[in-house]
Protein backbone atom coordinates (compact mmCIF):
# COMPACT_ATOMS: atom_id res chain seq x y z
CA MET A 1 -17.34 4.41 14.94
CA SER A 2 -19.76 6.82 13.22
CA ILE A 3 -18.24 10.17 12.37
CA THR A 4 -19.90 13.13 14.05
CA ARG A 5 -20.19 16.69 12.78
CA ARG A 6 -17.63 17.78 15.37
CA VAL A 7 -15.05 15.29 14.08
CA PHE A 8 -15.78 16.13 10.46
CA MET A 9 -15.57 19.86 11.04
CA ARG A 10 -12.32 19.51 12.93
CA ASN A 11 -10.77 17.47 10.10
CA SER A 12 -12.22 19.62 7.34
CA ALA A 13 -10.84 22.75 8.99
CA LEU A 14 -7.41 21.24 8.48
CA ALA A 15 -8.29 20.32 4.92
CA VAL A 16 -9.39 23.72 3.73
CA VAL A 17 -6.72 26.02 5.08
CA GLY A 18 -7.20 29.51 3.67
CA THR A 19 -10.97 29.39 3.27
CA SER A 20 -13.90 29.50 5.64
CA VAL A 21 -16.18 27.59 3.28
CA VAL A 22 -16.60 23.85 3.82
CA PRO A 23 -16.29 22.08 0.43
CA ALA A 24 -19.41 20.53 -1.06
CA PHE A 25 -17.98 17.06 -0.71
CA LEU A 26 -17.56 17.48 3.02
CA THR A 27 -20.98 19.00 3.62
CA ARG A 28 -22.61 16.08 1.84
CA ALA A 29 -20.45 13.63 3.77
CA ILE A 30 -21.46 15.30 7.04
CA HIS A 31 -25.12 15.06 6.06
CA ALA A 32 -24.75 11.42 5.07
CA ALA A 33 -23.03 10.54 8.32
CA GLU A 34 -25.67 12.28 10.42
CA THR A 35 -28.79 11.16 8.59
CA ALA A 36 -27.84 7.67 7.50
CA GLY A 37 -25.08 6.77 9.90
CA VAL A 38 -22.45 4.34 8.71
CA GLN A 39 -24.70 2.00 6.74
CA ASN A 40 -22.44 1.00 3.87
CA LYS A 41 -22.14 -2.71 3.28
CA ARG A 42 -18.58 -3.32 2.17
CA LEU A 43 -16.94 -6.21 0.31
CA VAL A 44 -13.16 -6.54 0.40
CA VAL A 45 -11.57 -9.09 -1.96
CA ILE A 46 -8.04 -10.35 -1.34
CA PHE A 47 -6.12 -12.17 -4.10
CA GLN A 48 -3.26 -14.51 -3.12
CA ARG A 49 -1.25 -14.36 -6.34
CA GLY A 50 0.95 -17.31 -7.18
CA ALA A 51 -1.34 -20.22 -6.26
CA ALA A 52 -1.42 -20.73 -2.51
CA ASP A 53 -1.04 -24.22 -1.04
CA GLY A 54 -4.44 -24.69 0.54
CA LEU A 55 -3.49 -28.09 1.99
CA ASN A 56 -0.74 -26.55 4.10
CA ILE A 57 -2.88 -23.53 5.01
CA VAL A 58 -5.98 -25.33 6.27
CA VAL A 59 -4.56 -28.76 7.02
CA PRO A 60 -6.68 -31.95 6.87
CA HIS A 61 -4.68 -33.32 9.78
CA ALA A 62 -7.07 -36.22 10.41
CA GLU A 63 -6.44 -37.64 6.94
CA GLN A 64 -3.48 -39.99 6.81
CA ALA A 65 -3.06 -39.59 3.05
CA TYR A 66 -2.03 -35.99 3.59
CA TYR A 67 1.00 -37.06 5.63
CA ALA A 68 1.84 -39.93 3.30
CA MET A 69 2.01 -37.62 0.28
CA ARG A 70 3.99 -34.87 2.01
CA PRO A 71 6.75 -36.54 4.06
CA SER A 72 8.99 -33.47 4.34
CA ILE A 73 6.63 -30.47 4.09
CA ASN A 74 3.57 -31.60 6.05
CA ILE A 75 2.40 -29.70 9.11
CA PRO A 76 2.78 -32.12 12.05
CA ARG A 77 -0.36 -32.92 13.98
CA ASN A 78 1.11 -31.53 17.18
CA ALA A 79 1.80 -28.20 15.46
CA VAL A 80 -1.55 -27.76 13.70
CA LEU A 81 -3.97 -25.26 15.28
CA ASP A 82 -6.98 -27.55 15.44
CA LEU A 83 -10.33 -26.16 14.33
CA ASN A 84 -12.83 -29.01 14.38
CA GLY A 85 -10.96 -32.26 14.90
CA PHE A 86 -10.38 -32.78 11.18
CA PHE A 87 -9.04 -29.46 9.87
CA GLY A 88 -6.56 -27.11 11.45
CA LEU A 89 -4.68 -23.92 10.65
CA HIS A 90 -0.99 -23.64 9.87
CA PRO A 91 0.69 -22.51 13.14
CA ALA A 92 1.82 -19.23 11.52
CA MET A 93 -1.87 -18.25 11.39
CA ALA A 94 -2.42 -18.02 15.13
CA SER A 95 -3.94 -14.56 14.72
CA PHE A 96 -6.88 -16.16 12.88
CA GLN A 97 -7.85 -18.39 15.79
CA PRO A 98 -9.64 -15.67 17.80
CA LEU A 99 -11.70 -14.76 14.71
CA TRP A 100 -12.60 -18.42 14.28
CA ASN A 101 -13.53 -18.79 17.96
CA GLN A 102 -15.64 -15.61 17.80
CA LYS A 103 -17.36 -17.06 14.71
CA HIS A 104 -16.32 -14.16 12.47
CA LEU A 105 -14.21 -16.43 10.25
CA ALA A 106 -15.47 -19.16 7.93
CA ILE A 107 -13.50 -21.45 5.62
CA VAL A 108 -14.49 -22.96 2.28
CA HIS A 109 -12.23 -25.88 1.34
CA ALA A 110 -11.87 -27.62 -2.02
CA ALA A 111 -12.98 -24.39 -3.69
CA GLY A 112 -11.78 -22.54 -6.77
CA SER A 113 -12.17 -22.22 -10.53
CA PRO A 114 -13.54 -25.21 -12.44
CA ASP A 115 -11.23 -24.44 -15.38
CA PRO A 116 -8.36 -26.96 -15.37
CA THR A 117 -5.63 -24.58 -16.57
CA ARG A 118 -2.34 -24.61 -14.68
CA SER A 119 -1.25 -21.28 -16.16
CA HIS A 120 -0.95 -18.50 -13.59
CA PHE A 121 -1.87 -15.88 -16.19
CA ASP A 122 -4.94 -17.65 -17.55
CA ALA A 123 -6.21 -18.78 -14.13
CA GLN A 124 -5.91 -15.31 -12.62
CA ASP A 125 -7.61 -13.82 -15.66
CA PHE A 126 -10.51 -16.25 -15.36
CA MET A 127 -10.98 -15.63 -11.64
CA GLU A 128 -10.82 -11.86 -12.08
CA SER A 129 -13.15 -11.81 -15.07
CA GLY A 130 -15.49 -14.26 -13.33
CA THR A 131 -15.84 -16.29 -16.52
CA PRO A 132 -13.61 -19.41 -16.30
CA GLY A 133 -12.57 -20.68 -19.68
CA VAL A 134 -13.73 -17.53 -21.51
CA LYS A 135 -10.95 -15.16 -22.53
CA ALA A 136 -13.14 -12.69 -24.40
CA THR A 137 -14.66 -11.10 -21.27
CA GLU A 138 -13.62 -7.46 -21.22
CA ASP A 139 -14.47 -6.40 -17.69
CA GLY A 140 -13.97 -7.80 -14.18
CA TRP A 141 -16.67 -9.35 -12.01
CA LEU A 142 -16.01 -6.97 -9.12
CA ASN A 143 -16.67 -4.01 -11.41
CA ARG A 144 -19.86 -5.68 -12.71
CA SER A 145 -21.03 -6.19 -9.15
CA LEU A 146 -21.39 -2.40 -8.87
CA ARG A 147 -24.00 -2.14 -11.64
CA GLU A 148 -27.09 -3.08 -9.69
CA LEU A 149 -25.68 -2.28 -6.27
CA PRO A 150 -28.05 -0.33 -4.02
CA LYS A 151 -26.59 3.06 -3.13
CA ALA A 152 -25.71 3.28 0.55
CA SER A 153 -25.08 6.39 2.63
CA LEU A 154 -23.44 8.27 -0.25
CA THR A 155 -24.61 8.48 -3.85
CA GLN A 156 -22.35 7.29 -6.62
CA THR A 157 -21.55 10.86 -7.63
CA ASP A 158 -20.63 11.71 -4.05
CA ALA A 159 -18.39 8.69 -3.63
CA PRO A 160 -15.34 8.74 -5.90
CA PHE A 161 -13.82 6.15 -3.55
CA ARG A 162 -16.79 3.82 -3.88
CA ALA A 163 -14.63 1.16 -5.59
CA ILE A 164 -10.91 1.14 -4.92
CA ALA A 165 -7.94 -1.11 -5.53
CA MET A 166 -4.87 -0.87 -3.35
CA GLY A 167 -2.03 -0.85 -5.84
CA PRO A 168 -0.29 1.11 -8.61
CA SER A 169 -2.84 0.30 -11.32
CA LEU A 170 -6.40 -0.88 -11.65
CA PRO A 171 -6.47 -4.71 -11.65
CA ARG A 172 -8.40 -6.84 -14.11
CA ILE A 173 -11.06 -7.58 -11.51
CA LEU A 174 -12.10 -3.89 -11.25
CA THR A 175 -11.85 -2.85 -14.88
CA GLY A 176 -15.10 -1.97 -16.59
CA ALA A 177 -17.78 0.65 -17.06
CA GLU A 178 -18.26 1.49 -13.38
CA PRO A 179 -15.93 4.14 -11.86
CA ALA A 180 -13.09 2.68 -9.81
CA VAL A 181 -9.70 3.99 -8.75
CA ALA A 182 -6.32 2.53 -7.85
CA ILE A 183 -4.54 3.92 -4.79
CA ASN A 184 -0.93 2.90 -4.40
CA ASN A 185 -0.18 5.06 -1.38
CA ILE A 186 -2.24 7.81 0.20
CA ASN A 187 0.93 9.75 0.87
CA ASP A 188 1.75 9.82 -2.86
CA PHE A 189 -1.47 11.49 -3.85
CA GLY A 190 -1.03 14.93 -5.44
CA VAL A 191 -3.88 17.44 -5.48
CA GLY A 192 -3.04 19.74 -8.34
CA GLY A 193 -2.45 19.31 -12.05
CA ASN A 194 0.70 21.39 -11.84
CA ASN A 195 2.17 19.52 -8.89
CA LYS A 196 5.49 18.38 -10.35
CA ASN A 197 6.32 16.45 -7.19
CA ALA A 198 3.21 14.32 -7.38
CA ALA A 199 3.74 10.61 -7.90
CA PRO A 200 2.68 9.09 -11.25
CA ILE A 201 -0.38 7.49 -9.64
CA SER A 202 -1.75 10.89 -8.68
CA ASN A 203 -1.32 12.15 -12.24
CA THR A 204 -3.17 9.12 -13.54
CA PHE A 205 -5.90 9.67 -10.97
CA GLU A 206 -6.33 13.32 -11.92
CA ALA A 207 -6.26 12.57 -15.63
CA MET A 208 -9.06 10.05 -15.20
CA TYR A 209 -11.31 12.90 -14.10
CA ASP A 210 -9.90 15.73 -16.21
CA HIS A 211 -10.31 13.92 -19.53
CA SER A 212 -13.29 11.70 -18.81
CA VAL A 213 -16.34 11.91 -21.04
CA ASP A 214 -18.31 9.86 -18.53
CA SER A 215 -21.05 12.06 -17.07
CA VAL A 216 -20.71 10.33 -13.72
CA LEU A 217 -16.99 11.00 -13.47
CA HIS A 218 -16.99 14.42 -15.09
CA GLY A 219 -17.37 17.24 -12.61
CA THR A 220 -16.51 15.21 -9.52
CA GLY A 221 -12.76 15.70 -9.81
CA GLN A 222 -12.52 18.82 -7.66
CA GLU A 223 -14.54 17.24 -4.89
CA THR A 224 -12.37 14.15 -5.10
CA PHE A 225 -9.27 16.21 -4.56
CA GLU A 226 -10.93 17.98 -1.65
CA ALA A 227 -11.27 14.53 -0.13
CA VAL A 228 -7.64 13.80 -0.87
CA LYS A 229 -6.67 17.10 0.73
CA MET A 230 -8.62 16.08 3.81
CA LEU A 231 -6.67 12.84 4.01
CA LYS A 232 -3.35 14.54 3.49
CA ALA A 233 -4.13 17.26 6.03
CA ALA A 234 -4.85 14.56 8.55
CA ASP A 235 -1.24 13.43 7.92
CA PRO A 236 -1.77 9.82 6.79
CA ALA A 237 1.84 8.96 7.57
CA LYS A 238 1.02 9.46 11.24
CA TYR A 239 -2.20 7.48 11.15
CA LYS A 240 -2.71 5.56 14.38
CA PRO A 241 -4.50 2.22 13.98
CA ALA A 242 -6.96 1.15 16.64
CA ALA A 243 -5.62 -0.46 19.79
CA GLY A 244 -4.68 -4.06 19.15
CA ALA A 245 -4.28 -3.61 15.38
CA ASN A 246 -0.65 -4.65 15.13
CA TYR A 247 0.10 -4.55 11.42
CA PRO A 248 3.33 -6.27 10.40
CA LYS A 249 5.86 -4.57 8.16
CA GLY A 250 5.35 -4.94 4.43
CA TYR A 251 3.39 -3.88 1.37
CA PHE A 252 0.28 -6.00 2.02
CA ALA A 253 -0.08 -4.79 5.61
CA ASP A 254 0.44 -1.19 4.50
CA SER A 255 -2.27 -1.62 1.86
CA LEU A 256 -4.77 -2.90 4.42
CA LYS A 257 -3.84 -0.20 6.92
CA GLN A 258 -4.49 2.47 4.31
CA LEU A 259 -7.72 0.77 3.29
CA ALA A 260 -8.88 0.83 6.90
CA GLN A 261 -8.04 4.51 7.02
CA LEU A 262 -10.10 5.22 3.89
CA ILE A 263 -13.05 3.24 5.20
CA LYS A 264 -12.92 4.98 8.58
CA ALA A 265 -12.81 8.39 6.84
CA ASN A 266 -16.39 7.68 5.67
CA LEU A 267 -15.59 8.23 1.99
CA GLY A 268 -18.27 5.80 0.83
CA VAL A 269 -16.08 2.75 0.16
CA GLN A 270 -18.25 -0.21 -0.83
CA ILE A 271 -15.88 -2.34 -2.90
CA ALA A 272 -12.16 -2.79 -2.27
CA PHE A 273 -9.42 -5.04 -3.59
CA ALA A 274 -5.89 -5.88 -2.47
CA ASP A 275 -3.45 -8.62 -3.34
CA ILE A 276 -0.45 -10.39 -1.86
CA GLY A 277 2.15 -12.38 -3.81
CA GLY A 278 4.77 -14.94 -2.83
CA TRP A 279 2.77 -18.18 -2.96
CA ASP A 280 4.44 -20.06 -5.83
CA HIS A 281 6.51 -22.54 -3.84
CA HIS A 282 7.95 -25.08 -6.26
CA VAL A 283 11.17 -25.40 -4.25
CA ASN A 284 11.67 -25.60 -0.47
CA GLU A 285 8.14 -24.64 0.48
CA GLY A 286 8.83 -25.33 4.12
CA SER A 287 6.59 -26.62 6.86
CA THR A 288 6.09 -24.89 10.19
CA GLN A 289 9.05 -22.69 9.22
CA GLY A 290 10.20 -21.40 5.86
CA GLN A 291 8.61 -19.76 2.85
CA ILE A 292 5.00 -20.66 3.40
CA ALA A 293 5.16 -19.90 7.11
CA ASN A 294 6.59 -16.45 6.39
CA VAL A 295 3.94 -15.43 3.88
CA LEU A 296 1.13 -16.94 5.98
CA GLY A 297 2.26 -14.92 8.99
CA ASP A 298 2.15 -11.74 6.92
CA PHE A 299 -1.20 -12.66 5.37
CA SER A 300 -3.03 -13.61 8.56
CA GLN A 301 -1.56 -10.92 10.83
CA SER A 302 -2.35 -8.22 8.27
CA LEU A 303 -5.94 -9.37 7.88
CA SER A 304 -6.59 -9.80 11.60
CA SER A 305 -5.12 -6.33 12.22
CA PHE A 306 -7.36 -4.90 9.52
CA TRP A 307 -10.34 -6.51 11.21
CA THR A 308 -9.38 -5.05 14.58
CA ASP A 309 -8.63 -1.65 13.07
CA LEU A 310 -12.12 -1.37 11.57
CA GLY A 311 -13.74 -1.70 14.98
CA ASP A 312 -17.54 -1.40 14.72
CA LEU A 313 -17.28 -0.95 10.95
CA ALA A 314 -16.19 -4.60 10.70
CA GLU A 315 -19.79 -5.57 11.37
CA ASP A 316 -20.80 -4.28 7.93
CA THR A 317 -17.71 -5.61 6.17
CA VAL A 318 -17.12 -8.98 4.49
CA VAL A 319 -13.63 -10.04 3.40
CA VAL A 320 -13.18 -12.90 0.93
CA THR A 321 -9.82 -14.39 -0.09
CA MET A 322 -9.02 -16.25 -3.31
CA SER A 323 -6.07 -17.67 -5.25
CA GLU A 324 -5.85 -18.77 -8.88
CA PHE A 325 -5.53 -22.50 -8.08
CA GLY A 326 -4.07 -24.77 -5.41
CA ARG A 327 -1.00 -27.01 -5.35
CA THR A 328 -0.41 -30.67 -5.99
CA ALA A 329 -1.42 -33.05 -3.20
CA ARG A 330 2.01 -34.65 -3.29
CA GLU A 331 5.21 -32.76 -2.68
CA ASN A 332 7.69 -32.76 -5.57
CA GLY A 333 11.35 -33.74 -5.64
CA ASN A 334 12.42 -30.25 -4.59
CA ARG A 335 10.45 -30.25 -1.34
CA GLY A 336 7.89 -27.99 -2.89
CA THR A 337 4.56 -28.33 -4.66
CA ASP A 338 3.53 -27.79 -8.26
CA HIS A 339 0.45 -26.21 -9.83
CA GLY A 340 -2.73 -27.95 -8.75
CA HIS A 341 -6.49 -27.44 -8.81
CA ALA A 342 -8.82 -26.82 -5.83
CA ASN A 343 -7.84 -24.57 -2.95
CA VAL A 344 -9.13 -22.94 0.21
CA MET A 345 -10.98 -19.63 0.61
CA PHE A 346 -11.46 -17.58 3.78
CA VAL A 347 -14.54 -15.46 4.51
CA MET A 348 -14.39 -12.97 7.37
CA GLY A 349 -17.03 -10.53 8.54
CA GLY A 350 -19.60 -9.39 11.04
CA ALA A 351 -22.41 -11.11 9.10
CA VAL A 352 -20.43 -14.33 8.59
CA LYS A 353 -21.59 -17.50 10.31
CA GLY A 354 -18.06 -18.49 11.17
CA GLY A 355 -16.42 -21.22 13.15
CA LYS A 356 -17.28 -23.68 10.38
CA VAL A 357 -15.63 -25.24 7.31
CA TYR A 358 -18.06 -25.07 4.39
CA GLY A 359 -18.13 -27.13 1.23
CA ARG A 360 -17.84 -30.88 0.62
CA TRP A 361 -14.45 -32.41 1.38
CA PRO A 362 -13.58 -34.79 -1.49
CA GLY A 363 -10.77 -36.64 0.26
CA LEU A 364 -7.15 -37.26 -0.65
CA ASP A 365 -7.21 -40.93 -1.62
CA VAL A 366 -5.66 -41.39 -5.07
CA SER A 367 -9.06 -42.36 -6.46
CA GLN A 368 -10.50 -39.05 -5.21
CA LEU A 369 -7.84 -36.74 -6.64
CA HIS A 370 -8.36 -34.55 -9.69
CA GLU A 371 -6.38 -36.11 -12.56
CA GLY A 372 -4.77 -38.38 -9.95
CA ARG A 373 -2.69 -35.52 -8.51
CA ASP A 374 -4.73 -32.59 -7.14
CA LEU A 375 -7.37 -31.81 -4.56
CA ALA A 376 -10.67 -32.09 -6.41
CA LEU A 377 -12.96 -29.08 -6.65
CA THR A 378 -16.39 -29.29 -5.02
CA THR A 379 -17.29 -25.59 -4.65
CA ASP A 380 -17.07 -23.09 -7.50
CA PHE A 381 -15.47 -19.83 -6.37
CA ARG A 382 -18.38 -17.91 -7.91
CA GLN A 383 -20.70 -19.63 -5.47
CA VAL A 384 -18.70 -18.18 -2.58
CA LEU A 385 -18.39 -14.71 -4.10
CA GLY A 386 -21.97 -14.67 -5.36
CA GLU A 387 -23.31 -15.07 -1.87
CA ALA A 388 -21.35 -12.03 -0.71
CA VAL A 389 -22.50 -9.97 -3.70
CA ALA A 390 -26.17 -10.93 -3.43
CA ARG A 391 -26.80 -11.40 0.26
CA HIS A 392 -24.34 -8.90 1.73
CA LEU A 393 -24.07 -6.12 -0.87
CA GLY A 394 -27.63 -6.58 -2.10
CA ASN A 395 -26.95 -7.03 -5.83
CA LYS A 396 -29.37 -9.79 -6.82
CA ASP A 397 -28.39 -9.78 -10.51
CA LEU A 398 -25.85 -12.58 -10.25
CA ALA A 399 -26.41 -13.53 -13.89
CA GLY A 400 -25.01 -10.11 -14.77
CA VAL A 401 -22.09 -10.40 -12.36
CA PHE A 402 -21.19 -13.98 -13.34
CA PRO A 403 -22.58 -14.54 -16.86
CA GLY A 404 -22.97 -18.15 -17.86
CA PHE A 405 -22.79 -19.46 -14.30
CA GLU A 406 -25.72 -21.51 -13.07
CA ASN A 407 -25.52 -20.98 -9.32
CA PRO A 408 -26.43 -24.25 -7.55
CA GLY A 409 -27.38 -22.31 -4.40
CA PHE A 410 -25.79 -20.42 -1.57
CA LEU A 411 -23.52 -22.02 1.02
CA LYS A 412 -25.36 -19.91 3.59
CA TYR A 413 -22.22 -18.73 5.35
CA LEU A 414 -23.88 -15.34 5.88
CA GLY A 415 -26.41 -14.78 8.63
């Protein structure tokens, strides 16, 4: 999967039509690829916006209370994709089973934010800022994780795509002092200030460099656009994913496909973020069919395709999923679920010690529920994310990434 000089020169020749000089960005990228190889450790964070129902995603099918509290929306035992005799996946997530069997996929159940809010806005803000209960935090934890991050194969100045969000604007989680960029669609990127046909995102992207007083950002704009030209010359619309990477139709899958393309272009991506909505199922949530099955199929097939598409680069990549909170243990009168507390998180990667459900399961007996209605929380989401930041990315300053959090120790889901 490493990119050779021959491949780079072939692509750059397309990128710099009309000149025989290889741009500085490309010569440095060639040098990095040849001398360091593909050594970047990457963290990809996925946010399931709307509060996913963790109990119908990773089902505690051996616990009778689960079936008693969800008479019309439970996942029947004979439909659950069993994992370990106690937990099993929703049947729409069949594409995750090979990753589990290959031990590239781990699960952390009863995880999430310790803040008890049931507000989507506040809960998402707390999980993106990394400071539950504190609204005054100005930046996002994923941006802070870049501060003490060891530089990999490209220096920060050489890697304008070091931290990227797939979407029309920079999310809360990536706002802060460290340079980061939002990419809505590679095909919408314009490469000239006078390009009247450029999409708004490209204008925003260019303005970030043109008007920046940040010494790190200033002066890198032209090289950034040379990189964009390289991508456009390679005709992103005709990008061919790796064999077996069967992305479904939809925005989330398109985001991950483009992210895979950016990673494989060796642009120095170390931090990436994407999100997927459609999880707020108060009415007619469904069981093996219906709303939750549809979004889970999209979610799992997109992620498994992304994994396949990365090929060898997946070995240096860790993907972590999160949602603002879970759903009530009991179904409501509309055959749906209401805002709850603890949830489930997935961790996928080459360094992941998968094939295991991590965290302490609190149980679903009424006496064990949070406030008598929700799955209780036993693992703070910062404990899951902190392990990826410290042990995978190499940023040991977790007090700076998650201020005020006293980490009780790693789950040790990474090898």
